[in-house]
Amino acid sequence: MLIGHLGDEVKMHYFEGGNCIGRFPVATNESFTNRQTGEKVTTTEWHNVVVRNKLAELCEKFLSKGDRVFIEGKIKTRQWEQEGVKRYTTEVHALEMTFLTTKKDLNNPSSSETSPETNENKSTEINSLKDTADDVPF
């Protein structure tokens, strides 16, 4: 599970037969106070996110750089060889997403066509996920 901001626009690739895949980077931040200096430190981690088919189309339609999202998915590692050198990448294959804030929402807050959910529903869904995390038996 990740909550972060899109670092770029959704890049789409369409296949024969109507399937498609979308890719975009998401930045997550962690803040802490350095005990020795008392200075607040923020670190940013980048994640490569992959979405497929209908979810990819929704992301392309509603998301843009800077938007905040909640992503639930699986971590996958791929490898390939390029010019004799083995390359690796780790991706988050999104299974579910919630659009927390979108620029399209901010530009036209009265329109119901800008997002598949209202901000109130988004907040409720995130809060319900937080509430159930304490119920996990391990």
Protein backbone atom coordinates (compact mmCIF):
# COMPACT_ATOMS: atom_id res chain seq x y z
CA MET A 1 0.00 0.00 0.00
CA LEU A 2 1.32 3.41 -0.97
CA ILE A 3 0.11 6.98 -0.66
CA GLY A 4 2.04 9.42 -2.82
CA HIS A 5 2.10 11.94 -5.64
CA LEU A 6 2.45 11.25 -9.36
CA GLY A 7 5.86 12.31 -10.63
CA ASP A 8 4.81 12.40 -14.30
CA GLU A 9 1.85 11.90 -16.61
CA VAL A 10 0.49 8.38 -17.18
CA LYS A 11 2.26 6.79 -20.16
CA MET A 12 -0.10 4.44 -22.03
CA HIS A 13 0.61 1.54 -24.37
CA TYR A 14 -2.23 -0.14 -26.28
CA PHE A 15 -2.17 -3.71 -27.56
CA GLU A 16 -4.12 -5.57 -30.22
CA GLY A 17 -7.34 -6.94 -28.79
CA GLY A 18 -8.13 -3.81 -26.77
CA ASN A 19 -5.86 -4.38 -23.76
CA CYS A 20 -3.67 -1.57 -22.47
CA ILE A 21 -1.07 -0.82 -19.84
CA GLY A 22 -0.19 2.45 -18.11
CA ARG A 23 2.99 3.37 -16.27
CA PHE A 24 3.82 6.30 -14.01
CA PRO A 25 6.17 7.13 -11.12
CA VAL A 26 4.84 7.84 -7.63
CA ALA A 27 6.84 9.67 -4.94
CA THR A 28 6.36 8.83 -1.26
CA ASN A 29 7.87 10.96 1.49
CA GLU A 30 9.08 10.14 4.98
CA SER A 31 9.86 12.84 7.53
CA PHE A 32 11.75 12.50 10.79
CA THR A 33 13.77 14.64 13.18
CA ASN A 34 17.49 14.01 13.40
CA ARG A 35 18.16 13.34 17.11
CA GLN A 36 21.68 14.76 17.04
CA THR A 37 20.95 18.03 15.23
CA GLY A 38 17.22 18.46 15.88
CA GLU A 39 16.80 19.14 12.16
CA LYS A 40 13.71 17.88 10.33
CA VAL A 41 14.72 15.56 7.48
CA THR A 42 12.45 14.49 4.60
CA THR A 43 13.38 11.64 2.28
CA THR A 44 11.63 10.81 -0.98
CA GLU A 45 11.34 7.32 -2.44
CA TRP A 46 10.24 6.77 -6.06
CA HIS A 47 8.07 3.82 -7.12
CA ASN A 48 7.32 2.65 -10.67
CA VAL A 49 3.58 1.90 -10.86
CA VAL A 50 1.93 -0.27 -13.52
CA VAL A 51 -1.83 -0.29 -14.15
CA ARG A 52 -3.72 -2.42 -16.65
CA ASN A 53 -6.82 -2.20 -18.84
CA LYS A 54 -9.79 -0.33 -17.30
CA LEU A 55 -7.78 0.99 -14.33
CA ALA A 56 -5.14 2.27 -16.76
CA GLU A 57 -7.80 4.07 -18.80
CA LEU A 58 -9.23 5.69 -15.65
CA CYS A 59 -5.76 6.80 -14.56
CA GLU A 60 -5.07 8.31 -17.99
CA LYS A 61 -8.40 10.15 -17.93
CA PHE A 62 -8.33 11.53 -14.37
CA LEU A 63 -4.71 11.71 -13.18
CA SER A 64 -1.90 14.11 -13.98
CA LYS A 65 1.50 15.00 -12.56
CA GLY A 66 1.30 16.05 -8.89
CA ASP A 67 -1.98 14.27 -8.09
CA ARG A 68 -2.15 12.33 -4.82
CA VAL A 69 -3.19 8.65 -4.95
CA PHE A 70 -3.61 5.63 -2.68
CA ILE A 71 -2.38 2.44 -4.37
CA GLU A 72 -2.78 -1.17 -3.34
CA GLY A 73 -0.95 -3.83 -5.34
CA LYS A 74 1.86 -6.34 -5.72
CA ILE A 75 5.60 -5.79 -6.04
CA LYS A 76 7.11 -7.39 -9.16
CA THR A 77 10.74 -7.49 -10.27
CA ARG A 78 11.67 -7.83 -13.93
CA GLN A 79 15.06 -8.43 -15.52
CA TRP A 80 16.38 -8.11 -19.05
CA GLU A 81 19.70 -7.86 -20.83
CA GLN A 82 20.77 -4.68 -22.61
CA GLU A 83 24.08 -4.54 -24.48
CA GLY A 84 25.37 -7.53 -22.50
CA VAL A 85 24.46 -6.02 -19.11
CA LYS A 86 21.71 -7.46 -16.93
CA ARG A 87 19.18 -4.81 -15.93
CA TYR A 88 16.56 -5.02 -13.18
CA THR A 89 13.52 -3.00 -12.26
CA THR A 90 11.01 -3.27 -9.44
CA GLU A 91 7.43 -2.21 -10.09
CA VAL A 92 4.20 -1.92 -8.13
CA HIS A 93 1.43 -3.61 -10.13
CA ALA A 94 -1.65 -1.75 -8.90
CA LEU A 95 -4.76 -3.80 -8.20
CA GLU A 96 -6.82 -1.02 -6.58
CA MET A 97 -6.47 2.75 -6.50
CA THR A 98 -8.19 5.69 -4.89
CA PHE A 99 -7.69 9.16 -6.35
CA LEU A 100 -7.19 11.34 -3.28
CA THR A 101 -6.70 14.68 -5.04
CA THR A 102 -6.61 15.46 -8.73
CA LYS A 103 -5.87 18.74 -10.46
CA LYS A 104 -9.04 18.20 -12.45
CA ASP A 105 -11.00 18.17 -9.14
CA LEU A 106 -9.30 21.38 -8.03
CA ASN A 107 -9.90 23.16 -11.34
CA ASN A 108 -13.61 22.29 -11.47
CA PRO A 109 -14.84 21.29 -7.98
CA SER A 110 -18.55 21.51 -8.84
CA SER A 111 -18.41 19.02 -11.71
CA SER A 112 -19.31 15.42 -10.94
CA GLU A 113 -17.61 14.20 -14.13
CA THR A 114 -14.07 15.03 -13.01
CA SER A 115 -13.61 12.05 -10.73
CA PRO A 116 -15.21 8.64 -10.25
CA GLU A 117 -15.77 9.43 -6.55
CA THR A 118 -16.36 12.56 -4.51
CA ASN A 119 -13.65 13.73 -2.13
CA GLU A 120 -15.90 12.84 0.83
CA ASN A 121 -16.19 9.24 -0.35
CA LYS A 122 -12.44 9.09 -0.92
CA SER A 123 -11.72 10.27 2.62
CA THR A 124 -14.23 7.83 4.08
CA GLU A 125 -12.68 4.95 2.16
CA ILE A 126 -9.15 5.82 3.34
CA ASN A 127 -10.34 6.22 6.95
CA SER A 128 -12.12 2.86 6.83
CA LEU A 129 -8.88 1.26 5.60
CA LYS A 130 -6.99 2.83 8.51
CA ASP A 131 -9.62 1.62 10.99
CA THR A 132 -9.41 -2.00 9.79
CA ALA A 133 -5.60 -2.05 10.04
CA ASP A 134 -5.87 -2.31 13.85
CA ASP A 135 -8.11 -5.38 13.53
CA VAL A 136 -5.39 -7.49 11.90
CA PRO A 137 -4.54 -10.40 14.25
CA PHE A 138 -0.77 -10.35 13.65
